[in-house]
């Protein structure tokens, strides 16, 4: 019988840094990894939607993964992103990630019906990743049926984890955990605005973008029994999330602007196409960036 993966805590999703010439900046990516490790993150997802993965060339995607793995050097879990439009491309990416040395592979597969979805999962599983995490992504609905995910966990050896990103996420966390006795690793992603609820429901990990010091501290407070202290700190983070979580493109713009302000990224460049980020966005973002930096300094002093 499978036991739950030992991965616990904050698994950060890294934005892709670009130079002024719009090339991937591997040095800035290394700096970001070092900052996240120093903050105490448990792992990295590389690359993913927040990494503008669909705008990266195959060579850039490989550079991203290789850079993260080389900088992490076993100090945290690295989950490689193998999501793609076709089954053949998903398998090719998964093989590359396994060969590169990723600790696990994440894949998002559009759900049409049980037969189609299960076949696609089996195909990726045949690449023999150390573990396979299924990204249950559906921003408008409930995603893959709970029964289907549980069956795949029970019958497909590499399937060990599900990243839940559906509407509403909370109930699905509880249903998956209850159906597997907590043996299926369950994490939350885009529903980070409900982080306290997710932790109350027993998720094993949360997979947000940036804000490493704040997220790690909230997680530590909650899991050490200091729920109200976690709640109070999280409430102070909510204005940031309310702005950044308007849309994925706004999130990418905001966090790259933050990383630039922190001196981690050389630019805040986002590759087109992307939603516009206008002067009002920039003004509000800069106010919130000042708030982030003040919060991080306060947390670092404690």
C-alpha atoms as a PDB file:
ATOM      1  CA  UNK A   1       0.000   0.000   0.000  1.00  0.00           C
ATOM      2  CA  UNK A   2       1.308   3.443  -0.932  1.00  0.00           C
ATOM      3  CA  UNK A   3       2.286   5.838   1.818  1.00  0.00           C
ATOM      4  CA  UNK A   4       1.975   9.574   1.437  1.00  0.00           C
ATOM      5  CA  UNK A   5       4.933  11.462  -0.007  1.00  0.00           C
ATOM      6  CA  UNK A   6       6.933  13.161   2.752  1.00  0.00           C
ATOM      7  CA  UNK A   7       6.797  16.522   0.959  1.00  0.00           C
ATOM      8  CA  UNK A   8       5.380  19.145   3.352  1.00  0.00           C
ATOM      9  CA  UNK A   9       5.328  22.927   3.277  1.00  0.00           C
ATOM     10  CA  UNK A  10       5.676  25.546   0.550  1.00  0.00           C
ATOM     11  CA  UNK A  11       6.541  24.393  -2.963  1.00  0.00           C
ATOM     12  CA  UNK A  12       7.207  27.584  -4.870  1.00  0.00           C
ATOM     13  CA  UNK A  13       6.433  28.180  -8.528  1.00  0.00           C
ATOM     14  CA  UNK A  14       9.203  30.253 -10.097  1.00  0.00           C
ATOM     15  CA  UNK A  15       8.623  33.096 -12.561  1.00  0.00           C
ATOM     16  CA  UNK A  16      11.037  33.163 -15.493  1.00  0.00           C
ATOM     17  CA  UNK A  17      13.499  36.095 -15.359  1.00  0.00           C
ATOM     18  CA  UNK A  18      14.245  37.833 -18.640  1.00  0.00           C
ATOM     19  CA  UNK A  19      17.123  40.132 -19.536  1.00  0.00           C
ATOM     20  CA  UNK A  20      16.597  43.501 -21.221  1.00  0.00           C
ATOM     21  CA  UNK A  21      17.118  41.620 -24.482  1.00  0.00           C
ATOM     22  CA  UNK A  22      14.296  39.192 -23.555  1.00  0.00           C
ATOM     23  CA  UNK A  23      16.568  36.187 -23.004  1.00  0.00           C
ATOM     24  CA  UNK A  24      16.173  33.830 -20.037  1.00  0.00           C
ATOM     25  CA  UNK A  25      18.514  35.001 -17.277  1.00  0.00           C
ATOM     26  CA  UNK A  26      19.927  31.860 -15.640  1.00  0.00           C
ATOM     27  CA  UNK A  27      21.908  33.884 -13.098  1.00  0.00           C
ATOM     28  CA  UNK A  28      18.783  35.648 -11.848  1.00  0.00           C
ATOM     29  CA  UNK A  29      16.985  32.326 -11.664  1.00  0.00           C
ATOM     30  CA  UNK A  30      19.796  30.987  -9.467  1.00  0.00           C
ATOM     31  CA  UNK A  31      19.484  34.025  -7.193  1.00  0.00           C
ATOM     32  CA  UNK A  32      15.761  33.416  -6.852  1.00  0.00           C
ATOM     33  CA  UNK A  33      16.319  29.767  -5.952  1.00  0.00           C
ATOM     34  CA  UNK A  34      18.843  30.766  -3.287  1.00  0.00           C
ATOM     35  CA  UNK A  35      16.446  33.317  -1.788  1.00  0.00           C
ATOM     36  CA  UNK A  36      13.634  30.757  -1.693  1.00  0.00           C
ATOM     37  CA  UNK A  37      15.841  28.109  -0.094  1.00  0.00           C
ATOM     38  CA  UNK A  38      17.015  30.578   2.544  1.00  0.00           C
ATOM     39  CA  UNK A  39      13.356  31.309   3.339  1.00  0.00           C
ATOM     40  CA  UNK A  40      12.728  27.602   3.966  1.00  0.00           C
ATOM     41  CA  UNK A  41      10.682  26.413   1.007  1.00  0.00           C
ATOM     42  CA  UNK A  42      10.256  22.644   0.719  1.00  0.00           C
ATOM     43  CA  UNK A  43      10.405  22.460  -3.053  1.00  0.00           C
ATOM     44  CA  UNK A  44      10.127  24.003  -6.488  1.00  0.00           C
ATOM     45  CA  UNK A  45       7.855  23.482  -9.479  1.00  0.00           C
ATOM     46  CA  UNK A  46       9.811  24.202 -12.641  1.00  0.00           C
ATOM     47  CA  UNK A  47       8.514  25.369 -15.028  1.00  0.00           C
ATOM     48  CA  UNK A  48       4.771  26.002 -14.764  1.00  0.00           C
ATOM     49  CA  UNK A  49       2.080  28.427 -15.919  1.00  0.00           C
ATOM     50  CA  UNK A  50       3.474  31.218 -13.732  1.00  0.00           C
ATOM     51  CA  UNK A  51       6.807  30.635 -15.487  1.00  0.00           C
ATOM     52  CA  UNK A  52       5.212  31.654 -18.816  1.00  0.00           C
ATOM     53  CA  UNK A  53       6.055  28.122 -19.846  1.00  0.00           C
ATOM     54  CA  UNK A  54       4.102  28.273 -23.104  1.00  0.00           C
ATOM     55  CA  UNK A  55       6.264  31.204 -24.214  1.00  0.00           C
ATOM     56  CA  UNK A  56       9.559  29.382 -23.623  1.00  0.00           C
ATOM     57  CA  UNK A  57      11.387  27.566 -26.401  1.00  0.00           C
ATOM     58  CA  UNK A  58      12.318  23.904 -25.784  1.00  0.00           C
ATOM     59  CA  UNK A  59      15.925  24.987 -25.167  1.00  0.00           C
ATOM     60  CA  UNK A  60      14.822  27.652 -22.683  1.00  0.00           C
ATOM     61  CA  UNK A  61      12.596  25.156 -20.908  1.00  0.00           C
ATOM     62  CA  UNK A  62      15.559  22.794 -20.554  1.00  0.00           C
ATOM     63  CA  UNK A  63      17.787  25.643 -19.329  1.00  0.00           C
ATOM     64  CA  UNK A  64      15.189  26.558 -16.697  1.00  0.00           C
ATOM     65  CA  UNK A  65      15.000  23.026 -15.292  1.00  0.00           C
ATOM     66  CA  UNK A  66      18.734  22.371 -15.433  1.00  0.00           C
ATOM     67  CA  UNK A  67      19.500  25.671 -13.687  1.00  0.00           C
ATOM     68  CA  UNK A  68      17.060  24.985 -10.846  1.00  0.00           C
ATOM     69  CA  UNK A  69      18.332  21.426 -10.358  1.00  0.00           C
ATOM     70  CA  UNK A  70      21.963  22.549 -10.364  1.00  0.00           C
ATOM     71  CA  UNK A  71      21.302  25.278  -7.801  1.00  0.00           C
ATOM     72  CA  UNK A  72      19.087  23.177  -5.517  1.00  0.00           C
ATOM     73  CA  UNK A  73      21.457  20.171  -5.416  1.00  0.00           C
ATOM     74  CA  UNK A  74      19.115  18.009  -3.371  1.00  0.00           C
ATOM     75  CA  UNK A  75      18.358  20.633  -0.710  1.00  0.00           C
ATOM     76  CA  UNK A  76      14.676  20.680  -1.693  1.00  0.00           C
ATOM     77  CA  UNK A  77      12.316  18.716  -3.920  1.00  0.00           C
ATOM     78  CA  UNK A  78      12.239  19.706  -7.602  1.00  0.00           C
ATOM     79  CA  UNK A  79       9.093  18.814  -9.525  1.00  0.00           C
ATOM     80  CA  UNK A  80       9.451  19.171 -13.275  1.00  0.00           C
ATOM     81  CA  UNK A  81       6.530  20.460 -15.296  1.00  0.00           C
ATOM     82  CA  UNK A  82       5.636  18.222 -18.238  1.00  0.00           C
ATOM     83  CA  UNK A  83       2.307  19.746 -19.252  1.00  0.00           C
ATOM     84  CA  UNK A  84       1.742  20.025 -23.000  1.00  0.00           C
ATOM     85  CA  UNK A  85      -1.047  19.933 -25.551  1.00  0.00           C
ATOM     86  CA  UNK A  86      -0.301  16.465 -26.924  1.00  0.00           C
ATOM     87  CA  UNK A  87       0.372  13.100 -25.356  1.00  0.00           C
ATOM     88  CA  UNK A  88       3.593  12.657 -27.327  1.00  0.00           C
ATOM     89  CA  UNK A  89       4.926  15.999 -26.117  1.00  0.00           C
ATOM     90  CA  UNK A  90       3.985  15.230 -22.502  1.00  0.00           C
ATOM     91  CA  UNK A  91       5.871  11.943 -22.701  1.00  0.00           C
ATOM     92  CA  UNK A  92       8.898  13.591 -24.318  1.00  0.00           C
ATOM     93  CA  UNK A  93       9.012  16.254 -21.615  1.00  0.00           C
ATOM     94  CA  UNK A  94       8.551  13.713 -18.832  1.00  0.00           C
ATOM     95  CA  UNK A  95      11.434  11.588 -20.131  1.00  0.00           C
ATOM     96  CA  UNK A  96      13.651  14.670 -20.293  1.00  0.00           C
ATOM     97  CA  UNK A  97      12.736  15.679 -16.727  1.00  0.00           C
ATOM     98  CA  UNK A  98      13.350  12.179 -15.372  1.00  0.00           C
ATOM     99  CA  UNK A  99      16.721  12.019 -17.133  1.00  0.00           C
ATOM    100  CA  UNK A 100      17.647  15.456 -15.789  1.00  0.00           C
ATOM    101  CA  UNK A 101      17.115  14.241 -12.223  1.00  0.00           C
ATOM    102  CA  UNK A 102      13.804  15.775 -11.141  1.00  0.00           C
ATOM    103  CA  UNK A 103      12.347  14.274  -7.957  1.00  0.00           C
ATOM    104  CA  UNK A 104       8.898  14.160  -9.535  1.00  0.00           C
ATOM    105  CA  UNK A 105       6.933  15.199 -12.596  1.00  0.00           C
ATOM    106  CA  UNK A 106       3.749  17.252 -12.775  1.00  0.00           C
ATOM    107  CA  UNK A 107       1.373  17.045 -15.704  1.00  0.00           C
ATOM    108  CA  UNK A 108      -1.878  18.816 -16.516  1.00  0.00           C
ATOM    109  CA  UNK A 109      -4.139  16.818 -18.815  1.00  0.00           C
ATOM    110  CA  UNK A 110      -7.473  18.179 -20.066  1.00  0.00           C
ATOM    111  CA  UNK A 111     -10.322  15.943 -18.862  1.00  0.00           C
ATOM    112  CA  UNK A 112     -12.841  14.756 -21.469  1.00  0.00           C
ATOM    113  CA  UNK A 113     -13.904  11.427 -20.030  1.00  0.00           C
ATOM    114  CA  UNK A 114     -12.501   8.713 -17.782  1.00  0.00           C
ATOM    115  CA  UNK A 115     -11.184   6.565 -20.619  1.00  0.00           C
ATOM    116  CA  UNK A 116      -9.321   9.408 -22.344  1.00  0.00           C
ATOM    117  CA  UNK A 117      -7.901  10.821 -19.127  1.00  0.00           C
ATOM    118  CA  UNK A 118      -6.799   7.489 -17.680  1.00  0.00           C
ATOM    119  CA  UNK A 119      -5.099   6.503 -20.917  1.00  0.00           C
ATOM    120  CA  UNK A 120      -3.174   9.787 -20.987  1.00  0.00           C
ATOM    121  CA  UNK A 121      -2.074   9.350 -17.351  1.00  0.00           C
ATOM    122  CA  UNK A 122      -0.880   5.804 -18.030  1.00  0.00           C
ATOM    123  CA  UNK A 123       1.159   7.054 -20.988  1.00  0.00           C
ATOM    124  CA  UNK A 124       3.022   9.598 -18.866  1.00  0.00           C
ATOM    125  CA  UNK A 125       3.443   7.061 -16.052  1.00  0.00           C
ATOM    126  CA  UNK A 126       5.259   4.765 -18.482  1.00  0.00           C
ATOM    127  CA  UNK A 127       8.172   7.237 -18.479  1.00  0.00           C
ATOM    128  CA  UNK A 128       8.812   6.055 -14.878  1.00  0.00           C
ATOM    129  CA  UNK A 129       9.022   9.321 -12.941  1.00  0.00           C
ATOM    130  CA  UNK A 130       9.965   8.950  -9.236  1.00  0.00           C
ATOM    131  CA  UNK A 131       6.454  10.222  -8.614  1.00  0.00           C
ATOM    132  CA  UNK A 132       3.734  11.694 -10.816  1.00  0.00           C
ATOM    133  CA  UNK A 133       1.679  14.665  -9.664  1.00  0.00           C
ATOM    134  CA  UNK A 134      -1.589  15.278 -11.527  1.00  0.00           C
ATOM    135  CA  UNK A 135      -2.529  18.930 -11.878  1.00  0.00           C
ATOM    136  CA  UNK A 136      -6.311  19.024 -11.521  1.00  0.00           C
ATOM    137  CA  UNK A 137      -6.747  22.376 -13.273  1.00  0.00           C
ATOM    138  CA  UNK A 138     -10.241  23.707 -13.943  1.00  0.00           C
ATOM    139  CA  UNK A 139     -10.756  27.428 -13.166  1.00  0.00           C
ATOM    140  CA  UNK A 140     -14.477  27.196 -13.939  1.00  0.00           C
ATOM    141  CA  UNK A 141     -15.490  23.830 -12.513  1.00  0.00           C
ATOM    142  CA  UNK A 142     -14.710  20.822 -10.352  1.00  0.00           C
ATOM    143  CA  UNK A 143     -12.123  19.231 -12.636  1.00  0.00           C
ATOM    144  CA  UNK A 144     -11.401  15.503 -12.769  1.00  0.00           C
ATOM    145  CA  UNK A 145     -13.914  13.372 -10.827  1.00  0.00           C
ATOM    146  CA  UNK A 146     -12.686  12.442  -7.352  1.00  0.00           C
ATOM    147  CA  UNK A 147     -13.362   8.761  -8.049  1.00  0.00           C
ATOM    148  CA  UNK A 148     -11.146   8.873 -11.154  1.00  0.00           C
ATOM    149  CA  UNK A 149      -8.236  10.455  -9.307  1.00  0.00           C
ATOM    150  CA  UNK A 150      -8.540   7.966  -6.445  1.00  0.00           C
ATOM    151  CA  UNK A 151      -8.612   5.025  -8.858  1.00  0.00           C
ATOM    152  CA  UNK A 152      -5.498   6.269 -10.645  1.00  0.00           C
ATOM    153  CA  UNK A 153      -3.727   6.700  -7.308  1.00  0.00           C
ATOM    154  CA  UNK A 154      -4.617   3.149  -6.309  1.00  0.00           C
ATOM    155  CA  UNK A 155      -3.765   1.492  -9.639  1.00  0.00           C
ATOM    156  CA  UNK A 156      -0.969   3.486 -11.324  1.00  0.00           C
ATOM    157  CA  UNK A 157       2.257   3.159  -9.337  1.00  0.00           C
ATOM    158  CA  UNK A 158       3.891   6.557 -10.040  1.00  0.00           C
ATOM    159  CA  UNK A 159       0.694   8.517  -9.317  1.00  0.00           C
ATOM    160  CA  UNK A 160       1.276   9.794  -5.794  1.00  0.00           C
ATOM    161  CA  UNK A 161       0.022  13.387  -5.745  1.00  0.00           C
ATOM    162  CA  UNK A 162      -2.648  15.786  -6.971  1.00  0.00           C
ATOM    163  CA  UNK A 163      -2.368  19.564  -7.205  1.00  0.00           C
ATOM    164  CA  UNK A 164      -5.952  20.778  -6.848  1.00  0.00           C
ATOM    165  CA  UNK A 165      -6.880  23.957  -8.736  1.00  0.00           C
ATOM    166  CA  UNK A 166     -10.643  23.792  -9.155  1.00  0.00           C
ATOM    167  CA  UNK A 167     -13.769  25.668  -8.047  1.00  0.00           C
ATOM    168  CA  UNK A 168     -14.262  25.246  -5.135  1.00  0.00           C
ATOM    169  CA  UNK A 169     -10.934  23.740  -4.120  1.00  0.00           C
ATOM    170  CA  UNK A 170     -11.608  23.252  -0.395  1.00  0.00           C
ATOM    171  CA  UNK A 171     -14.212  20.529  -0.602  1.00  0.00           C
ATOM    172  CA  UNK A 172     -12.120  18.601  -3.108  1.00  0.00           C
ATOM    173  CA  UNK A 173      -9.091  18.641  -0.798  1.00  0.00           C
ATOM    174  CA  UNK A 174     -11.208  17.006   1.898  1.00  0.00           C
ATOM    175  CA  UNK A 175     -12.808  14.464  -0.433  1.00  0.00           C
ATOM    176  CA  UNK A 176      -9.465  13.286  -1.836  1.00  0.00           C
ATOM    177  CA  UNK A 177      -7.867  13.034   1.589  1.00  0.00           C
ATOM    178  CA  UNK A 178     -10.841  11.171   3.042  1.00  0.00           C
ATOM    179  CA  UNK A 179     -11.091   8.763   0.103  1.00  0.00           C
ATOM    180  CA  UNK A 180      -7.410   7.768   0.404  1.00  0.00           C
ATOM    181  CA  UNK A 181      -6.979   7.933   4.159  1.00  0.00           C
ATOM    182  CA  UNK A 182      -4.525  10.796   3.672  1.00  0.00           C
ATOM    183  CA  UNK A 183      -2.172   8.625   1.610  1.00  0.00           C
ATOM    184  CA  UNK A 184      -2.616  10.682  -1.571  1.00  0.00           C
ATOM    185  CA  UNK A 185      -0.452  13.802  -1.421  1.00  0.00           C
ATOM    186  CA  UNK A 186      -2.770  16.783  -1.885  1.00  0.00           C
ATOM    187  CA  UNK A 187      -1.577  20.330  -2.516  1.00  0.00           C
ATOM    188  CA  UNK A 188      -3.251  23.623  -3.318  1.00  0.00           C
ATOM    189  CA  UNK A 189      -2.173  26.142  -5.908  1.00  0.00           C
ATOM    190  CA  UNK A 190      -4.217  28.970  -7.419  1.00  0.00           C
ATOM    191  CA  UNK A 191      -6.651  28.917  -4.454  1.00  0.00           C
ATOM    192  CA  UNK A 192      -3.917  30.361  -2.230  1.00  0.00           C
ATOM    193  CA  UNK A 193      -6.393  33.042  -1.119  1.00  0.00           C
ATOM    194  CA  UNK A 194      -7.956  30.196   0.876  1.00  0.00           C
ATOM    195  CA  UNK A 195      -4.609  29.063   2.322  1.00  0.00           C
ATOM    196  CA  UNK A 196      -5.816  28.901   5.929  1.00  0.00           C
ATOM    197  CA  UNK A 197      -8.830  26.836   4.886  1.00  0.00           C
ATOM    198  CA  UNK A 198      -6.527  24.539   2.908  1.00  0.00           C
ATOM    199  CA  UNK A 199      -4.293  24.004   5.927  1.00  0.00           C
ATOM    200  CA  UNK A 200      -7.344  23.472   8.145  1.00  0.00           C
ATOM    201  CA  UNK A 201      -8.449  20.748   5.734  1.00  0.00           C
ATOM    202  CA  UNK A 202      -5.078  19.014   5.953  1.00  0.00           C
ATOM    203  CA  UNK A 203      -3.366  19.695   2.631  1.00  0.00           C
ATOM    204  CA  UNK A 204       0.236  18.563   2.624  1.00  0.00           C
ATOM    205  CA  UNK A 205       1.672  21.460   0.623  1.00  0.00           C
ATOM    206  CA  UNK A 206       0.784  24.803  -0.885  1.00  0.00           C
ATOM    207  CA  UNK A 207       2.222  25.800  -4.273  1.00  0.00           C
ATOM    208  CA  UNK A 208       2.138  29.602  -4.681  1.00  0.00           C
ATOM    209  CA  UNK A 209       4.398  32.170  -6.358  1.00  0.00           C
ATOM    210  CA  UNK A 210       7.041  34.288  -4.542  1.00  0.00           C
ATOM    211  CA  UNK A 211       6.382  35.759  -1.028  1.00  0.00           C
ATOM    212  CA  UNK A 212       8.520  32.884   0.261  1.00  0.00           C
ATOM    213  CA  UNK A 213       9.261  34.275   3.722  1.00  0.00           C
ATOM    214  CA  UNK A 214       5.602  35.081   4.377  1.00  0.00           C
ATOM    215  CA  UNK A 215       4.162  31.798   3.100  1.00  0.00           C
ATOM    216  CA  UNK A 216       6.730  29.709   4.969  1.00  0.00           C
ATOM    217  CA  UNK A 217       6.026  31.580   8.188  1.00  0.00           C
ATOM    218  CA  UNK A 218       2.258  31.167   7.824  1.00  0.00           C
ATOM    219  CA  UNK A 219       2.713  27.446   7.204  1.00  0.00           C
ATOM    220  CA  UNK A 220       5.058  27.064  10.194  1.00  0.00           C
ATOM    221  CA  UNK A 221       2.700  28.906  12.525  1.00  0.00           C
ATOM    222  CA  UNK A 222      -0.316  26.880  11.444  1.00  0.00           C
ATOM    223  CA  UNK A 223       1.371  23.475  11.620  1.00  0.00           C
ATOM    224  CA  UNK A 224       2.890  24.260  15.030  1.00  0.00           C
ATOM    225  CA  UNK A 225      -0.572  24.843  16.489  1.00  0.00           C
ATOM    226  CA  UNK A 226      -0.522  28.639  16.314  1.00  0.00           C
ATOM    227  CA  UNK A 227      -3.496  28.910  13.995  1.00  0.00           C
ATOM    228  CA  UNK A 228      -4.625  32.375  15.063  1.00  0.00           C
ATOM    229  CA  UNK A 229      -1.123  33.796  14.597  1.00  0.00           C
ATOM    230  CA  UNK A 230      -1.057  32.200  11.129  1.00  0.00           C
ATOM    231  CA  UNK A 231      -4.489  33.680  10.438  1.00  0.00           C
ATOM    232  CA  UNK A 232      -3.393  37.155  11.536  1.00  0.00           C
ATOM    233  CA  UNK A 233      -0.314  37.140   9.304  1.00  0.00           C
ATOM    234  CA  UNK A 234      -2.258  35.718   6.381  1.00  0.00           C
ATOM    235  CA  UNK A 235      -4.908  38.429   6.738  1.00  0.00           C
ATOM    236  CA  UNK A 236      -2.144  40.987   6.222  1.00  0.00           C
ATOM    237  CA  UNK A 237      -1.088  39.221   3.009  1.00  0.00           C
ATOM    238  CA  UNK A 238      -4.620  39.125   1.568  1.00  0.00           C
ATOM    239  CA  UNK A 239      -4.565  42.605  -0.057  1.00  0.00           C
ATOM    240  CA  UNK A 240      -1.550  41.466  -2.072  1.00  0.00           C
ATOM    241  CA  UNK A 241      -3.321  38.305  -3.186  1.00  0.00           C
ATOM    242  CA  UNK A 242      -6.573  40.124  -3.949  1.00  0.00           C
ATOM    243  CA  UNK A 243      -4.661  42.257  -6.447  1.00  0.00           C
ATOM    244  CA  UNK A 244      -2.330  39.648  -7.922  1.00  0.00           C
ATOM    245  CA  UNK A 245      -4.943  36.902  -8.260  1.00  0.00           C
ATOM    246  CA  UNK A 246      -7.207  38.894 -10.549  1.00  0.00           C
ATOM    247  CA  UNK A 247      -5.753  36.969 -13.491  1.00  0.00           C
ATOM    248  CA  UNK A 248      -2.669  34.859 -14.133  1.00  0.00           C
ATOM    249  CA  UNK A 249      -1.143  37.582 -16.324  1.00  0.00           C
ATOM    250  CA  UNK A 250      -1.625  40.205 -13.592  1.00  0.00           C
ATOM    251  CA  UNK A 251      -0.018  37.806 -11.117  1.00  0.00           C
ATOM    252  CA  UNK A 252       3.008  37.351 -13.379  1.00  0.00           C
ATOM    253  CA  UNK A 253       3.356  41.102 -13.913  1.00  0.00           C
ATOM    254  CA  UNK A 254       3.061  41.805 -10.191  1.00  0.00           C
ATOM    255  CA  UNK A 255       5.493  39.208  -8.908  1.00  0.00           C
ATOM    256  CA  UNK A 256       8.078  40.026 -11.558  1.00  0.00           C
ATOM    257  CA  UNK A 257       7.788  43.655 -10.533  1.00  0.00           C
ATOM    258  CA  UNK A 258       8.314  42.580  -6.917  1.00  0.00           C
ATOM    259  CA  UNK A 259      11.330  40.427  -7.784  1.00  0.00           C
ATOM    260  CA  UNK A 260      12.815  43.337  -9.735  1.00  0.00           C
ATOM    261  CA  UNK A 261      12.253  45.687  -6.770  1.00  0.00           C
ATOM    262  CA  UNK A 262      13.945  43.141  -4.505  1.00  0.00           C
ATOM    263  CA  UNK A 263      17.008  43.100  -6.768  1.00  0.00           C
ATOM    264  CA  UNK A 264      16.547  39.432  -7.635  1.00  0.00           C
ATOM    265  CA  UNK A 265      15.513  39.867 -11.293  1.00  0.00           C
ATOM    266  CA  UNK A 266      17.216  42.309 -13.690  1.00  0.00           C
ATOM    267  CA  UNK A 267      13.914  43.383 -15.279  1.00  0.00           C
ATOM    268  CA  UNK A 268      10.187  42.943 -14.713  1.00  0.00           C
ATOM    269  CA  UNK A 269       9.725  41.953 -18.365  1.00  0.00           C
ATOM    270  CA  UNK A 270       6.779  39.717 -19.286  1.00  0.00           C
ATOM    271  CA  UNK A 271       6.742  38.156 -22.725  1.00  0.00           C
ATOM    272  CA  UNK A 272       3.794  38.939 -24.981  1.00  0.00           C
ATOM    273  CA  UNK A 273       1.035  38.139 -25.434  1.00  0.00           C
ATOM    274  CA  UNK A 274      -0.155  39.238 -22.015  1.00  0.00           C
ATOM    275  CA  UNK A 275      -2.919  41.330 -20.522  1.00  0.00           C
ATOM    276  CA  UNK A 276      -1.939  45.000 -20.341  1.00  0.00           C
ATOM    277  CA  UNK A 277      -0.447  46.236 -17.082  1.00  0.00           C
ATOM    278  CA  UNK A 278      -1.287  49.929 -17.096  1.00  0.00           C
ATOM    279  CA  UNK A 279      -0.264  52.935 -14.994  1.00  0.00           C
ATOM    280  CA  UNK A 280      -2.905  52.294 -12.351  1.00  0.00           C
ATOM    281  CA  UNK A 281      -1.840  48.655 -12.076  1.00  0.00           C
ATOM    282  CA  UNK A 282       1.746  49.831 -11.641  1.00  0.00           C
ATOM    283  CA  UNK A 283       0.862  52.399  -8.959  1.00  0.00           C
ATOM    284  CA  UNK A 284      -1.183  49.924  -6.912  1.00  0.00           C
ATOM    285  CA  UNK A 285       1.479  47.240  -7.408  1.00  0.00           C
ATOM    286  CA  UNK A 286       4.204  49.539  -6.098  1.00  0.00           C
ATOM    287  CA  UNK A 287       2.130  50.333  -2.987  1.00  0.00           C
ATOM    288  CA  UNK A 288       1.683  46.615  -2.363  1.00  0.00           C
ATOM    289  CA  UNK A 289       5.356  45.891  -3.012  1.00  0.00           C
ATOM    290  CA  UNK A 290       6.234  48.368  -0.263  1.00  0.00           C
ATOM    291  CA  UNK A 291       3.754  46.512   1.976  1.00  0.00           C
ATOM    292  CA  UNK A 292       5.376  43.149   1.121  1.00  0.00           C
ATOM    293  CA  UNK A 293       8.836  44.405   1.958  1.00  0.00           C
ATOM    294  CA  UNK A 294       7.687  45.855   5.266  1.00  0.00           C
ATOM    295  CA  UNK A 295       5.968  42.577   6.202  1.00  0.00           C
ATOM    296  CA  UNK A 296       9.006  40.518   5.243  1.00  0.00           C
ATOM    297  CA  UNK A 297      11.263  42.747   7.341  1.00  0.00           C
ATOM    298  CA  UNK A 298       8.908  42.410  10.303  1.00  0.00           C
ATOM    299  CA  UNK A 299       8.787  38.621   9.999  1.00  0.00           C
ATOM    300  CA  UNK A 300      12.577  38.410   9.652  1.00  0.00           C
ATOM    301  CA  UNK A 301      13.020  40.269  12.944  1.00  0.00           C
ATOM    302  CA  UNK A 302      10.934  37.733  14.920  1.00  0.00           C
END
